[in-house]
C-alpha atoms as a PDB file:
ATOM      1  CA  MET A   1     129.342  10.453  55.159  1.00  0.00           C
ATOM      2  CA  ALA A   2     128.463  13.632  53.247  1.00  0.00           C
ATOM      3  CA  GLN A   3     131.868  13.709  51.567  1.00  0.00           C
ATOM      4  CA  ARG A   4     131.395  10.153  50.335  1.00  0.00           C
ATOM      5  CA  LYS A   5     128.044  11.017  48.724  1.00  0.00           C
ATOM      6  CA  GLU A   6     129.565  14.114  47.143  1.00  0.00           C
ATOM      7  CA  ARG A   7     132.386  12.034  45.649  1.00  0.00           C
ATOM      8  CA  GLN A   8     129.911   9.478  44.325  1.00  0.00           C
ATOM      9  CA  PHE A   9     127.807  12.255  42.809  1.00  0.00           C
ATOM     10  CA  ILE A  10     130.838  13.852  41.177  1.00  0.00           C
ATOM     11  CA  GLY A  11     131.956  10.424  39.898  1.00  0.00           C
ATOM     12  CA  ILE A  12     128.551   9.789  38.347  1.00  0.00           C
ATOM     13  CA  ILE A  13     128.546  13.222  36.706  1.00  0.00           C
ATOM     14  CA  MET A  14     132.047  12.656  35.303  1.00  0.00           C
ATOM     15  CA  LEU A  15     131.083   9.196  34.007  1.00  0.00           C
ATOM     16  CA  ALA A  16     127.987  10.612  32.321  1.00  0.00           C
ATOM     17  CA  PHE A  17     130.083  13.385  30.740  1.00  0.00           C
ATOM     18  CA  ILE A  18     132.684  10.935  29.425  1.00  0.00           C
ATOM     19  CA  CYS A  19     129.992   8.640  28.010  1.00  0.00           C
ATOM     20  CA  SER A  20     128.284  11.541  26.260  1.00  0.00           C
ATOM     21  CA  LEU A  21     131.607  12.546  24.676  1.00  0.00           C
ATOM     22  CA  LEU A  22     132.360   9.019  23.511  1.00  0.00           C
ATOM     23  CA  PHE A  23     128.957   8.209  22.088  1.00  0.00           C
ATOM     24  CA  GLY A  24     128.431  11.677  20.647  1.00  0.00           C
ATOM     25  CA  THR A  25     131.586  11.570  18.520  1.00  0.00           C
ATOM     26  CA  PHE A  26     131.133   8.080  17.087  1.00  0.00           C
ATOM     27  CA  SER A  27     128.267   8.780  14.739  1.00  0.00           C
ATOM     28  CA  GLU A  28     127.664   6.272  11.997  1.00  0.00           C
ATOM     29  CA  ALA A  29     128.587   7.382   8.492  1.00  0.00           C
ATOM     30  CA  LYS A  30     125.760   7.702   5.994  1.00  0.00           C
ATOM     31  CA  GLU A  31     125.848   6.559   2.401  1.00  0.00           C
ATOM     32  CA  PHE A  32     125.367   9.110  -0.377  1.00  0.00           C
ATOM     33  CA  GLN A  33     124.939   8.417  -4.109  1.00  0.00           C
ATOM     34  CA  PHE A  34     126.106  10.815  -6.807  1.00  0.00           C
ATOM     35  CA  THR A  35     125.846  10.705 -10.593  1.00  0.00           C
ATOM     36  CA  GLY A  36     127.220  12.763 -13.459  1.00  0.00           C
ATOM     37  CA  GLN A  37     127.456  12.522 -17.241  1.00  0.00           C
ATOM     38  CA  TYR A  38     130.195  13.656 -19.609  1.00  0.00           C
ATOM     39  CA  LYS A  39     130.089  13.043 -23.373  1.00  0.00           C
ATOM     40  CA  GLY A  40     127.455  10.327 -23.003  1.00  0.00           C
ATOM     41  CA  GLU A  41     129.396   8.434 -20.337  1.00  0.00           C
ATOM     42  CA  TRP A  42     127.825   8.131 -16.885  1.00  0.00           C
ATOM     43  CA  PHE A  43     129.675   8.260 -13.586  1.00  0.00           C
ATOM     44  CA  GLU A  44     127.967   6.832 -10.507  1.00  0.00           C
ATOM     45  CA  THR A  45     129.416   6.466  -7.048  1.00  0.00           C
ATOM     46  CA  LYS A  46     128.340   5.641  -3.515  1.00  0.00           C
ATOM     47  CA  THR A  47     130.266   7.403  -0.778  1.00  0.00           C
ATOM     48  CA  LYS A  48     130.100   6.945   2.985  1.00  0.00           C
ATOM     49  CA  ALA A  49     130.674  10.042   5.095  1.00  0.00           C
ATOM     50  CA  ASP A  50     129.387  11.840   8.169  1.00  0.00           C
ATOM     51  CA  ASP A  51     127.825  14.622   6.110  1.00  0.00           C
ATOM     52  CA  LYS A  52     126.882  15.478   2.534  1.00  0.00           C
ATOM     53  CA  PRO A  53     129.609  18.113   1.874  1.00  0.00           C
ATOM     54  CA  THR A  54     132.330  15.640   2.833  1.00  0.00           C
ATOM     55  CA  ALA A  55     130.768  12.915   0.674  1.00  0.00           C
ATOM     56  CA  PHE A  56     130.427  15.354  -2.233  1.00  0.00           C
ATOM     57  CA  GLU A  57     134.098  16.314  -2.038  1.00  0.00           C
ATOM     58  CA  VAL A  58     135.150  12.664  -2.237  1.00  0.00           C
ATOM     59  CA  ALA A  59     132.694  11.973  -5.074  1.00  0.00           C
ATOM     60  CA  ALA A  60     133.803  15.024  -7.084  1.00  0.00           C
ATOM     61  CA  THR A  61     137.452  13.990  -6.816  1.00  0.00           C
ATOM     62  CA  SER A  62     136.586  10.439  -7.901  1.00  0.00           C
ATOM     63  CA  CYS A  63     134.529  11.827 -10.767  1.00  0.00           C
ATOM     64  CA  PHE A  64     137.420  13.911 -12.067  1.00  0.00           C
ATOM     65  CA  GLN A  65     139.843  10.984 -11.822  1.00  0.00           C
ATOM     66  CA  HIS A  66     137.330   8.752 -13.622  1.00  0.00           C
ATOM     67  CA  PHE A  67     136.828  11.066 -16.593  1.00  0.00           C
ATOM     68  CA  LYS A  68     140.477  12.125 -16.764  1.00  0.00           C
ATOM     69  CA  ALA A  69     141.520   8.466 -16.861  1.00  0.00           C
ATOM     70  CA  GLY A  70     145.243   9.195 -16.525  1.00  0.00           C
ATOM     71  CA  ARG A  71     145.527  11.246 -19.724  1.00  0.00           C
ATOM     72  CA  VAL A  72     146.649  14.818 -20.268  1.00  0.00           C
ATOM     73  CA  LEU A  73     143.651  17.072 -20.869  1.00  0.00           C
ATOM     74  CA  SER A  74     143.304  20.243 -22.856  1.00  0.00           C
ATOM     75  CA  GLU A  75     142.265  23.279 -20.835  1.00  0.00           C
ATOM     76  CA  ASN A  76     138.737  23.235 -22.263  1.00  0.00           C
ATOM     77  CA  GLU A  77     138.229  19.524 -21.674  1.00  0.00           C
ATOM     78  CA  GLY A  78     139.557  19.848 -18.124  1.00  0.00           C
ATOM     79  CA  LEU A  79     137.173  22.720 -17.424  1.00  0.00           C
ATOM     80  CA  ASP A  80     134.261  20.740 -18.877  1.00  0.00           C
ATOM     81  CA  ILE A  81     135.050  17.788 -16.622  1.00  0.00           C
ATOM     82  CA  ILE A  82     135.417  20.070 -13.600  1.00  0.00           C
ATOM     83  CA  ASP A  83     132.019  21.566 -14.434  1.00  0.00           C
ATOM     84  CA  VAL A  84     130.404  18.115 -14.587  1.00  0.00           C
ATOM     85  CA  CYS A  85     132.056  16.917 -11.378  1.00  0.00           C
ATOM     86  CA  ALA A  86     131.280  20.114  -9.476  1.00  0.00           C
ATOM     87  CA  ASN A  87     127.585  19.664 -10.301  1.00  0.00           C
ATOM     88  CA  LEU A  88     127.017  16.000  -9.477  1.00  0.00           C
ATOM     89  CA  ARG A  89     123.447  15.003  -8.766  1.00  0.00           C
ATOM     90  CA  THR A  90     122.328  13.029  -5.747  1.00  0.00           C
ATOM     91  CA  LYS A  91     120.112  10.005  -6.103  1.00  0.00           C
END
């Protein structure tokens, strides 16, 4: 009888541990808004991510692609765009 209760107790502990792992890792992504301006043109984006650094990385990459617009940039213009995109503001 004691072994059966011990097994039940261990089973409950294992189930609780598994549930905590599952529900702890499936956090809902938050939405972040970023804006930047280059030569009078505004860039605004909303990004969903688990944390702000991850969202910022995605937004900065999108910002650069937006202002580059598929053209070849001079070194100075590329550095200016990188500066703008590396300093996006949050709303």
